[in-house]
């Protein structure tokens, strides 16, 4: 008899002969299950299951019922499950990468905004600095232009005043010369009237004149005597060194001088501020020929 048969025999005896003090065990009917092994022990397992024993339990103890409805899972995962796990993990990684990309985009946007703000502030500061420098430069240039314009205005004003003085002097000189040409003794007659106002009646006067105007002066003195109805005690003295139109009137207490050169010097003294230091060079060189004493 083989070992399998001995084990089956022992199991049958134990089931038929219960132990002392222990009631008979009612075994439920178990479904047939075929387990294929490499050494051909499938029949032994089938017989043992029908008898309520196991092939290798021997006399170790009572046989416990086996839960045939339990589902055993092998260590190898199914391809579908593996694919699902891989897809889930891939989706998680994609979600993580998308979140990272979103964070990086937000960080980039924040950095870009900060860089723009910093650049704008730096540009604003630079622009303000350049504006202030430009304003200062423009102000300096304006002040320089104003100073130059003021100097030009002063120079032009001086030139205009000098030209006006020269024109005025030349006009006076022309008028005086015209008066001397038409009435060479007029200035002497006016000076004689001022002298008569200063002296008492009967005071003798000495008048030194150029011989060329003696006759004209005598006629003018006769007209004055007739107009004032008094005799003028006057003595005419010819002096060729005296210019035509000039005269020297003297009396005991004083005298008057009719001198065109002196009048010219007085006019130049009055116009000296307008003519400048070299203004006299711009004037005509001839003597001032007429005018009052």
C-alpha atoms as a PDB file:
ATOM      1  CA  UNK A   1       0.000   0.000   0.000  1.00  0.00           C
ATOM      2  CA  UNK A   2       1.313   3.431  -0.872  1.00  0.00           C
ATOM      3  CA  UNK A   3       1.706   6.406   1.437  1.00  0.00           C
ATOM      4  CA  UNK A   4      -1.343   8.083  -0.056  1.00  0.00           C
ATOM      5  CA  UNK A   5      -3.499   5.090   0.558  1.00  0.00           C
ATOM      6  CA  UNK A   6      -2.231   4.772   4.157  1.00  0.00           C
ATOM      7  CA  UNK A   7      -3.077   8.398   4.784  1.00  0.00           C
ATOM      8  CA  UNK A   8      -6.557   7.962   3.323  1.00  0.00           C
ATOM      9  CA  UNK A   9      -7.071   4.859   5.431  1.00  0.00           C
ATOM     10  CA  UNK A  10      -6.020   6.635   8.585  1.00  0.00           C
ATOM     11  CA  UNK A  11      -8.312   9.543   7.904  1.00  0.00           C
ATOM     12  CA  UNK A  12     -11.296   7.232   7.370  1.00  0.00           C
ATOM     13  CA  UNK A  13     -10.632   5.403  10.619  1.00  0.00           C
ATOM     14  CA  UNK A  14     -10.436   8.611  12.586  1.00  0.00           C
ATOM     15  CA  UNK A  15     -13.707   9.864  11.168  1.00  0.00           C
ATOM     16  CA  UNK A  16     -15.444   6.607  11.989  1.00  0.00           C
ATOM     17  CA  UNK A  17     -13.907   6.397  15.492  1.00  0.00           C
ATOM     18  CA  UNK A  18     -14.225   9.645  17.353  1.00  0.00           C
ATOM     19  CA  UNK A  19     -12.013  10.411  20.284  1.00  0.00           C
ATOM     20  CA  UNK A  20     -13.087   9.837  23.789  1.00  0.00           C
ATOM     21  CA  UNK A  21     -15.046  12.689  25.267  1.00  0.00           C
ATOM     22  CA  UNK A  22     -15.510  14.360  21.943  1.00  0.00           C
ATOM     23  CA  UNK A  23     -18.779  14.179  20.016  1.00  0.00           C
ATOM     24  CA  UNK A  24     -18.939  13.241  16.451  1.00  0.00           C
ATOM     25  CA  UNK A  25     -18.152  16.108  14.046  1.00  0.00           C
ATOM     26  CA  UNK A  26     -20.683  16.708  11.309  1.00  0.00           C
ATOM     27  CA  UNK A  27     -18.739  17.699   8.187  1.00  0.00           C
ATOM     28  CA  UNK A  28     -20.509  19.692   5.592  1.00  0.00           C
ATOM     29  CA  UNK A  29     -20.535  18.502   2.062  1.00  0.00           C
ATOM     30  CA  UNK A  30     -17.661  20.188   0.248  1.00  0.00           C
ATOM     31  CA  UNK A  31     -17.675  20.816  -3.445  1.00  0.00           C
ATOM     32  CA  UNK A  32     -15.309  18.941  -5.546  1.00  0.00           C
ATOM     33  CA  UNK A  33     -12.167  20.847  -6.419  1.00  0.00           C
ATOM     34  CA  UNK A  34      -9.487  19.599  -8.605  1.00  0.00           C
ATOM     35  CA  UNK A  35      -5.947  20.748  -7.885  1.00  0.00           C
ATOM     36  CA  UNK A  36      -3.437  19.751 -10.430  1.00  0.00           C
ATOM     37  CA  UNK A  37       0.100  19.253  -9.285  1.00  0.00           C
ATOM     38  CA  UNK A  38       3.210  18.156 -10.995  1.00  0.00           C
ATOM     39  CA  UNK A  39       3.445  14.727  -9.168  1.00  0.00           C
ATOM     40  CA  UNK A  40      -0.131  13.553  -9.853  1.00  0.00           C
ATOM     41  CA  UNK A  41      -1.549  14.043  -6.387  1.00  0.00           C
ATOM     42  CA  UNK A  42      -4.827  15.559  -7.684  1.00  0.00           C
ATOM     43  CA  UNK A  43      -6.793  12.372  -6.968  1.00  0.00           C
ATOM     44  CA  UNK A  44      -5.590  12.242  -3.392  1.00  0.00           C
ATOM     45  CA  UNK A  45      -6.761  15.818  -2.742  1.00  0.00           C
ATOM     46  CA  UNK A  46     -10.142  15.062  -4.315  1.00  0.00           C
ATOM     47  CA  UNK A  47     -10.655  11.953  -2.150  1.00  0.00           C
ATOM     48  CA  UNK A  48      -9.561  13.726   0.964  1.00  0.00           C
ATOM     49  CA  UNK A  49     -11.977  16.569   0.306  1.00  0.00           C
ATOM     50  CA  UNK A  50     -14.858  14.119  -0.099  1.00  0.00           C
ATOM     51  CA  UNK A  51     -13.935  12.398   3.190  1.00  0.00           C
ATOM     52  CA  UNK A  52     -13.297  15.628   5.154  1.00  0.00           C
ATOM     53  CA  UNK A  53      -9.574  15.034   5.598  1.00  0.00           C
ATOM     54  CA  UNK A  54      -6.357  16.302   4.149  1.00  0.00           C
ATOM     55  CA  UNK A  55      -3.723  14.038   2.707  1.00  0.00           C
ATOM     56  CA  UNK A  56      -0.962  15.070   5.097  1.00  0.00           C
ATOM     57  CA  UNK A  57      -2.702  15.915   8.373  1.00  0.00           C
ATOM     58  CA  UNK A  58      -2.150  12.455   9.951  1.00  0.00           C
ATOM     59  CA  UNK A  59      -3.254  12.300  13.557  1.00  0.00           C
ATOM     60  CA  UNK A  60      -2.332  15.903  14.410  1.00  0.00           C
ATOM     61  CA  UNK A  61      -5.821  17.095  15.331  1.00  0.00           C
ATOM     62  CA  UNK A  62      -9.314  17.864  14.163  1.00  0.00           C
ATOM     63  CA  UNK A  63      -9.760  19.104  10.605  1.00  0.00           C
ATOM     64  CA  UNK A  64     -11.045  22.669  10.226  1.00  0.00           C
ATOM     65  CA  UNK A  65     -13.450  23.636   7.473  1.00  0.00           C
ATOM     66  CA  UNK A  66     -11.893  25.365   4.416  1.00  0.00           C
ATOM     67  CA  UNK A  67     -13.417  28.516   2.999  1.00  0.00           C
ATOM     68  CA  UNK A  68     -13.668  27.755  -0.662  1.00  0.00           C
ATOM     69  CA  UNK A  69     -15.341  31.078  -1.446  1.00  0.00           C
ATOM     70  CA  UNK A  70     -12.211  33.141  -0.662  1.00  0.00           C
ATOM     71  CA  UNK A  71     -10.502  34.825  -3.608  1.00  0.00           C
ATOM     72  CA  UNK A  72      -6.787  34.570  -3.755  1.00  0.00           C
ATOM     73  CA  UNK A  73      -4.768  37.124  -5.684  1.00  0.00           C
ATOM     74  CA  UNK A  74      -1.481  36.324  -7.225  1.00  0.00           C
ATOM     75  CA  UNK A  75       1.622  38.480  -6.786  1.00  0.00           C
ATOM     76  CA  UNK A  76       1.542  39.464 -10.449  1.00  0.00           C
ATOM     77  CA  UNK A  77      -0.766  42.394 -11.310  1.00  0.00           C
ATOM     78  CA  UNK A  78      -2.992  42.276 -14.305  1.00  0.00           C
ATOM     79  CA  UNK A  79      -1.903  44.305 -17.351  1.00  0.00           C
ATOM     80  CA  UNK A  80      -5.038  46.461 -17.172  1.00  0.00           C
ATOM     81  CA  UNK A  81      -4.350  47.270 -13.533  1.00  0.00           C
ATOM     82  CA  UNK A  82      -0.738  48.062 -14.303  1.00  0.00           C
ATOM     83  CA  UNK A  83      -1.840  50.341 -17.144  1.00  0.00           C
ATOM     84  CA  UNK A  84      -4.383  52.062 -14.889  1.00  0.00           C
ATOM     85  CA  UNK A  85      -1.750  52.637 -12.208  1.00  0.00           C
ATOM     86  CA  UNK A  86       0.665  53.984 -14.808  1.00  0.00           C
ATOM     87  CA  UNK A  87      -2.016  56.251 -16.259  1.00  0.00           C
ATOM     88  CA  UNK A  88      -2.942  57.526 -12.789  1.00  0.00           C
ATOM     89  CA  UNK A  89       0.685  58.187 -11.965  1.00  0.00           C
ATOM     90  CA  UNK A  90       1.179  59.892 -15.318  1.00  0.00           C
ATOM     91  CA  UNK A  91      -1.852  62.093 -14.726  1.00  0.00           C
ATOM     92  CA  UNK A  92      -0.493  63.005 -11.297  1.00  0.00           C
ATOM     93  CA  UNK A  93       2.889  63.860 -12.788  1.00  0.00           C
ATOM     94  CA  UNK A  94       1.209  65.901 -15.538  1.00  0.00           C
ATOM     95  CA  UNK A  95      -0.867  67.739 -12.942  1.00  0.00           C
ATOM     96  CA  UNK A  96       2.268  68.403 -10.880  1.00  0.00           C
ATOM     97  CA  UNK A  97       4.124  69.655 -13.966  1.00  0.00           C
ATOM     98  CA  UNK A  98       1.185  71.853 -14.960  1.00  0.00           C
ATOM     99  CA  UNK A  99       1.070  73.287 -11.437  1.00  0.00           C
ATOM    100  CA  UNK A 100       4.820  73.892 -11.581  1.00  0.00           C
ATOM    101  CA  UNK A 101       4.514  75.550 -14.986  1.00  0.00           C
ATOM    102  CA  UNK A 102       1.685  77.699 -13.637  1.00  0.00           C
ATOM    103  CA  UNK A 103       3.805  78.712 -10.639  1.00  0.00           C
ATOM    104  CA  UNK A 104       6.756  79.444 -12.907  1.00  0.00           C
ATOM    105  CA  UNK A 105       4.505  81.520 -15.177  1.00  0.00           C
ATOM    106  CA  UNK A 106       3.196  83.434 -12.173  1.00  0.00           C
ATOM    107  CA  UNK A 107       6.740  83.953 -10.868  1.00  0.00           C
ATOM    108  CA  UNK A 108       7.854  85.066 -14.337  1.00  0.00           C
ATOM    109  CA  UNK A 109       4.939  87.490 -14.585  1.00  0.00           C
ATOM    110  CA  UNK A 110       5.714  88.843 -11.113  1.00  0.00           C
ATOM    111  CA  UNK A 111       9.415  89.234 -11.933  1.00  0.00           C
ATOM    112  CA  UNK A 112       8.559  90.860 -15.255  1.00  0.00           C
ATOM    113  CA  UNK A 113       6.158  93.266 -13.560  1.00  0.00           C
ATOM    114  CA  UNK A 114       8.746  94.061 -10.895  1.00  0.00           C
ATOM    115  CA  UNK A 115      11.428  94.563 -13.554  1.00  0.00           C
ATOM    116  CA  UNK A 116       9.117  96.858 -15.499  1.00  0.00           C
ATOM    117  CA  UNK A 117       8.306  98.811 -12.368  1.00  0.00           C
ATOM    118  CA  UNK A 118      11.986  99.093 -11.428  1.00  0.00           C
ATOM    119  CA  UNK A 119      12.891 100.077 -14.978  1.00  0.00           C
ATOM    120  CA  UNK A 120      10.131 102.676 -15.064  1.00  0.00           C
ATOM    121  CA  UNK A 121      11.244 104.123 -11.742  1.00  0.00           C
ATOM    122  CA  UNK A 122      14.874 104.186 -12.871  1.00  0.00           C
ATOM    123  CA  UNK A 123      13.871 105.793 -16.156  1.00  0.00           C
ATOM    124  CA  UNK A 124      11.727 108.331 -14.316  1.00  0.00           C
ATOM    125  CA  UNK A 125      14.599 109.234 -12.008  1.00  0.00           C
ATOM    126  CA  UNK A 126      16.959 109.497 -14.974  1.00  0.00           C
ATOM    127  CA  UNK A 127      14.454 111.581 -16.908  1.00  0.00           C
ATOM    128  CA  UNK A 128      13.967 113.914 -13.946  1.00  0.00           C
ATOM    129  CA  UNK A 129      17.715 114.271 -13.544  1.00  0.00           C
ATOM    130  CA  UNK A 130      18.166 114.949 -17.254  1.00  0.00           C
ATOM    131  CA  UNK A 131      15.238 117.373 -17.164  1.00  0.00           C
ATOM    132  CA  UNK A 132      16.786 119.296 -14.282  1.00  0.00           C
ATOM    133  CA  UNK A 133      20.130 119.361 -16.066  1.00  0.00           C
ATOM    134  CA  UNK A 134      18.431 120.497 -19.272  1.00  0.00           C
ATOM    135  CA  UNK A 135      16.514 123.209 -17.391  1.00  0.00           C
ATOM    136  CA  UNK A 136      19.719 124.423 -15.735  1.00  0.00           C
ATOM    137  CA  UNK A 137      21.542 124.417 -19.065  1.00  0.00           C
ATOM    138  CA  UNK A 138      18.651 126.236 -20.728  1.00  0.00           C
ATOM    139  CA  UNK A 139      18.543 128.750 -17.871  1.00  0.00           C
ATOM    140  CA  UNK A 140      22.271 129.388 -18.169  1.00  0.00           C
ATOM    141  CA  UNK A 141      21.947 129.742 -21.923  1.00  0.00           C
ATOM    142  CA  UNK A 142      19.003 132.113 -21.464  1.00  0.00           C
ATOM    143  CA  UNK A 143      20.928 134.223 -18.968  1.00  0.00           C
ATOM    144  CA  UNK A 144      23.906 134.319 -21.315  1.00  0.00           C
ATOM    145  CA  UNK A 145      21.634 135.290 -24.206  1.00  0.00           C
ATOM    146  CA  UNK A 146      20.010 137.991 -22.075  1.00  0.00           C
ATOM    147  CA  UNK A 147      23.399 139.347 -21.077  1.00  0.00           C
ATOM    148  CA  UNK A 148      24.494 139.351 -24.700  1.00  0.00           C
ATOM    149  CA  UNK A 149      21.238 140.999 -25.750  1.00  0.00           C
ATOM    150  CA  UNK A 150      21.651 143.569 -22.980  1.00  0.00           C
ATOM    151  CA  UNK A 151      25.188 144.318 -24.118  1.00  0.00           C
ATOM    152  CA  UNK A 152      24.018 144.544 -27.713  1.00  0.00           C
ATOM    153  CA  UNK A 153      21.151 146.802 -26.667  1.00  0.00           C
ATOM    154  CA  UNK A 154      23.486 149.030 -24.690  1.00  0.00           C
ATOM    155  CA  UNK A 155      25.915 149.155 -27.589  1.00  0.00           C
ATOM    156  CA  UNK A 156      23.153 149.908 -30.072  1.00  0.00           C
ATOM    157  CA  UNK A 157      21.693 152.520 -27.719  1.00  0.00           C
ATOM    158  CA  UNK A 158      25.086 154.167 -27.399  1.00  0.00           C
ATOM    159  CA  UNK A 159      25.517 154.100 -31.159  1.00  0.00           C
ATOM    160  CA  UNK A 160      22.075 155.599 -31.666  1.00  0.00           C
ATOM    161  CA  UNK A 161      22.693 158.291 -29.048  1.00  0.00           C
ATOM    162  CA  UNK A 162      26.092 159.066 -30.572  1.00  0.00           C
ATOM    163  CA  UNK A 163      24.626 159.281 -34.043  1.00  0.00           C
ATOM    164  CA  UNK A 164      21.816 161.466 -32.745  1.00  0.00           C
ATOM    165  CA  UNK A 165      24.319 163.765 -31.041  1.00  0.00           C
ATOM    166  CA  UNK A 166      26.396 164.002 -34.196  1.00  0.00           C
ATOM    167  CA  UNK A 167      23.307 164.745 -36.254  1.00  0.00           C
ATOM    168  CA  UNK A 168      22.167 167.357 -33.731  1.00  0.00           C
ATOM    169  CA  UNK A 169      25.558 168.992 -33.706  1.00  0.00           C
ATOM    170  CA  UNK A 170      25.806 169.007 -37.480  1.00  0.00           C
ATOM    171  CA  UNK A 171      22.295 170.397 -37.735  1.00  0.00           C
ATOM    172  CA  UNK A 172      23.145 173.156 -35.265  1.00  0.00           C
ATOM    173  CA  UNK A 173      26.388 173.821 -37.081  1.00  0.00           C
ATOM    174  CA  UNK A 174      24.581 174.053 -40.396  1.00  0.00           C
ATOM    175  CA  UNK A 175      21.947 176.353 -38.964  1.00  0.00           C
ATOM    176  CA  UNK A 176      24.564 178.533 -37.310  1.00  0.00           C
ATOM    177  CA  UNK A 177      26.634 178.653 -40.472  1.00  0.00           C
ATOM    178  CA  UNK A 178      23.559 179.531 -42.473  1.00  0.00           C
ATOM    179  CA  UNK A 179      22.792 182.308 -39.988  1.00  0.00           C
ATOM    180  CA  UNK A 180      26.359 183.621 -40.176  1.00  0.00           C
ATOM    181  CA  UNK A 181      26.267 183.595 -43.946  1.00  0.00           C
ATOM    182  CA  UNK A 182      23.026 185.561 -44.039  1.00  0.00           C
ATOM    183  CA  UNK A 183      23.594 187.784 -40.960  1.00  0.00           C
ATOM    184  CA  UNK A 184      27.221 187.720 -39.774  1.00  0.00           C
ATOM    185  CA  UNK A 185      26.697 190.486 -37.126  1.00  0.00           C
ATOM    186  CA  UNK A 186      23.605 188.993 -35.507  1.00  0.00           C
ATOM    187  CA  UNK A 187      25.516 187.258 -32.718  1.00  0.00           C
ATOM    188  CA  UNK A 188      27.493 190.465 -32.025  1.00  0.00           C
ATOM    189  CA  UNK A 189      24.285 192.549 -31.899  1.00  0.00           C
ATOM    190  CA  UNK A 190      22.720 190.104 -29.417  1.00  0.00           C
ATOM    191  CA  UNK A 191      25.859 190.225 -27.251  1.00  0.00           C
ATOM    192  CA  UNK A 192      25.789 194.041 -27.399  1.00  0.00           C
ATOM    193  CA  UNK A 193      22.210 194.042 -26.123  1.00  0.00           C
ATOM    194  CA  UNK A 194      23.209 191.855 -23.143  1.00  0.00           C
ATOM    195  CA  UNK A 195      26.141 194.162 -22.400  1.00  0.00           C
ATOM    196  CA  UNK A 196      23.927 197.270 -22.441  1.00  0.00           C
ATOM    197  CA  UNK A 197      21.617 195.586 -19.944  1.00  0.00           C
ATOM    198  CA  UNK A 198      24.548 195.154 -17.556  1.00  0.00           C
ATOM    199  CA  UNK A 199      26.115 198.640 -17.749  1.00  0.00           C
ATOM    200  CA  UNK A 200      24.753 202.019 -16.715  1.00  0.00           C
ATOM    201  CA  UNK A 201      23.671 204.709 -19.196  1.00  0.00           C
ATOM    202  CA  UNK A 202      26.632 206.601 -20.683  1.00  0.00           C
ATOM    203  CA  UNK A 203      29.179 203.818 -20.079  1.00  0.00           C
ATOM    204  CA  UNK A 204      31.608 203.546 -22.976  1.00  0.00           C
ATOM    205  CA  UNK A 205      32.008 200.229 -24.815  1.00  0.00           C
ATOM    206  CA  UNK A 206      34.932 199.029 -26.901  1.00  0.00           C
ATOM    207  CA  UNK A 207      34.078 196.443 -29.585  1.00  0.00           C
ATOM    208  CA  UNK A 208      36.833 194.565 -31.391  1.00  0.00           C
ATOM    209  CA  UNK A 209      35.645 192.989 -34.677  1.00  0.00           C
ATOM    210  CA  UNK A 210      36.892 191.763 -38.033  1.00  0.00           C
ATOM    211  CA  UNK A 211      37.165 194.645 -40.528  1.00  0.00           C
ATOM    212  CA  UNK A 212      34.949 192.793 -42.997  1.00  0.00           C
ATOM    213  CA  UNK A 213      31.845 193.273 -40.851  1.00  0.00           C
ATOM    214  CA  UNK A 214      32.447 196.857 -39.629  1.00  0.00           C
ATOM    215  CA  UNK A 215      29.913 198.453 -41.967  1.00  0.00           C
ATOM    216  CA  UNK A 216      27.212 195.874 -41.160  1.00  0.00           C
ATOM    217  CA  UNK A 217      27.780 196.296 -37.416  1.00  0.00           C
ATOM    218  CA  UNK A 218      27.522 200.115 -37.642  1.00  0.00           C
ATOM    219  CA  UNK A 219      24.137 199.777 -39.377  1.00  0.00           C
ATOM    220  CA  UNK A 220      22.942 197.368 -36.696  1.00  0.00           C
ATOM    221  CA  UNK A 221      24.083 199.697 -33.866  1.00  0.00           C
ATOM    222  CA  UNK A 222      22.237 202.657 -35.487  1.00  0.00           C
ATOM    223  CA  UNK A 223      19.026 200.609 -35.590  1.00  0.00           C
ATOM    224  CA  UNK A 224      19.450 199.695 -31.913  1.00  0.00           C
ATOM    225  CA  UNK A 225      19.988 203.363 -30.918  1.00  0.00           C
ATOM    226  CA  UNK A 226      16.836 204.380 -32.777  1.00  0.00           C
ATOM    227  CA  UNK A 227      14.838 201.589 -31.164  1.00  0.00           C
ATOM    228  CA  UNK A 228      16.027 202.298 -27.622  1.00  0.00           C
ATOM    229  CA  UNK A 229      16.016 206.112 -28.094  1.00  0.00           C
ATOM    230  CA  UNK A 230      19.407 206.558 -26.472  1.00  0.00           C
ATOM    231  CA  UNK A 231      22.916 207.224 -27.644  1.00  0.00           C
ATOM    232  CA  UNK A 232      25.359 204.317 -27.348  1.00  0.00           C
ATOM    233  CA  UNK A 233      28.911 205.402 -26.484  1.00  0.00           C
ATOM    234  CA  UNK A 234      30.738 202.812 -28.582  1.00  0.00           C
ATOM    235  CA  UNK A 235      34.132 202.574 -30.243  1.00  0.00           C
ATOM    236  CA  UNK A 236      34.759 199.988 -32.972  1.00  0.00           C
ATOM    237  CA  UNK A 237      38.255 198.523 -33.215  1.00  0.00           C
ATOM    238  CA  UNK A 238      39.195 196.465 -36.258  1.00  0.00           C
ATOM    239  CA  UNK A 239      41.153 193.242 -35.582  1.00  0.00           C
ATOM    240  CA  UNK A 240      41.866 190.848 -38.425  1.00  0.00           C
ATOM    241  CA  UNK A 241      42.754 188.037 -35.987  1.00  0.00           C
ATOM    242  CA  UNK A 242      39.114 187.853 -34.922  1.00  0.00           C
ATOM    243  CA  UNK A 243      36.956 185.568 -37.062  1.00  0.00           C
ATOM    244  CA  UNK A 244      33.960 186.898 -38.921  1.00  0.00           C
ATOM    245  CA  UNK A 245      30.989 186.733 -36.604  1.00  0.00           C
ATOM    246  CA  UNK A 246      33.160 186.914 -33.452  1.00  0.00           C
ATOM    247  CA  UNK A 247      33.753 189.992 -31.297  1.00  0.00           C
ATOM    248  CA  UNK A 248      35.179 191.185 -28.009  1.00  0.00           C
ATOM    249  CA  UNK A 249      33.053 193.718 -26.084  1.00  0.00           C
ATOM    250  CA  UNK A 250      34.727 195.357 -23.092  1.00  0.00           C
ATOM    251  CA  UNK A 251      33.874 198.178 -20.681  1.00  0.00           C
ATOM    252  CA  UNK A 252      35.322 199.498 -17.489  1.00  0.00           C
ATOM    253  CA  UNK A 253      33.693 196.946 -15.171  1.00  0.00           C
ATOM    254  CA  UNK A 254      33.832 193.848 -17.449  1.00  0.00           C
ATOM    255  CA  UNK A 255      33.301 192.454 -20.922  1.00  0.00           C
ATOM    256  CA  UNK A 256      31.788 189.822 -23.253  1.00  0.00           C
ATOM    257  CA  UNK A 257      33.379 187.574 -25.842  1.00  0.00           C
ATOM    258  CA  UNK A 258      31.545 186.320 -28.916  1.00  0.00           C
ATOM    259  CA  UNK A 259      33.649 183.255 -29.884  1.00  0.00           C
ATOM    260  CA  UNK A 260      32.388 180.464 -32.158  1.00  0.00           C
ATOM    261  CA  UNK A 261      35.169 178.095 -31.024  1.00  0.00           C
ATOM    262  CA  UNK A 262      34.208 178.602 -27.397  1.00  0.00           C
ATOM    263  CA  UNK A 263      30.600 177.853 -28.239  1.00  0.00           C
ATOM    264  CA  UNK A 264      31.706 174.729 -30.105  1.00  0.00           C
ATOM    265  CA  UNK A 265      33.719 173.586 -27.076  1.00  0.00           C
ATOM    266  CA  UNK A 266      30.704 174.176 -24.812  1.00  0.00           C
ATOM    267  CA  UNK A 267      28.461 172.146 -27.116  1.00  0.00           C
ATOM    268  CA  UNK A 268      31.016 169.327 -27.245  1.00  0.00           C
ATOM    269  CA  UNK A 269      31.222 169.368 -23.459  1.00  0.00           C
ATOM    270  CA  UNK A 270      27.451 168.924 -23.274  1.00  0.00           C
ATOM    271  CA  UNK A 271      27.491 166.156 -25.881  1.00  0.00           C
ATOM    272  CA  UNK A 272      30.604 164.475 -24.546  1.00  0.00           C
ATOM    273  CA  UNK A 273      28.652 161.756 -22.721  1.00  0.00           C
ATOM    274  CA  UNK A 274      26.807 160.867 -25.912  1.00  0.00           C
ATOM    275  CA  UNK A 275      29.675 161.171 -28.357  1.00  0.00           C
ATOM    276  CA  UNK A 276      32.079 159.063 -26.304  1.00  0.00           C
ATOM    277  CA  UNK A 277      35.837 159.459 -25.950  1.00  0.00           C
ATOM    278  CA  UNK A 278      36.414 159.562 -29.720  1.00  0.00           C
ATOM    279  CA  UNK A 279      33.153 161.270 -30.564  1.00  0.00           C
ATOM    280  CA  UNK A 280      34.816 164.566 -31.466  1.00  0.00           C
ATOM    281  CA  UNK A 281      36.597 162.837 -34.348  1.00  0.00           C
ATOM    282  CA  UNK A 282      33.192 162.186 -35.920  1.00  0.00           C
ATOM    283  CA  UNK A 283      32.307 165.905 -35.917  1.00  0.00           C
ATOM    284  CA  UNK A 284      33.140 168.318 -38.711  1.00  0.00           C
ATOM    285  CA  UNK A 285      36.528 169.966 -38.309  1.00  0.00           C
ATOM    286  CA  UNK A 286      35.432 173.522 -39.146  1.00  0.00           C
ATOM    287  CA  UNK A 287      34.812 176.043 -36.394  1.00  0.00           C
ATOM    288  CA  UNK A 288      31.347 176.572 -35.003  1.00  0.00           C
ATOM    289  CA  UNK A 289      30.497 179.672 -36.968  1.00  0.00           C
ATOM    290  CA  UNK A 290      27.463 181.190 -35.313  1.00  0.00           C
ATOM    291  CA  UNK A 291      25.017 181.252 -32.459  1.00  0.00           C
ATOM    292  CA  UNK A 292      24.674 183.285 -29.296  1.00  0.00           C
ATOM    293  CA  UNK A 293      27.473 184.364 -27.018  1.00  0.00           C
END
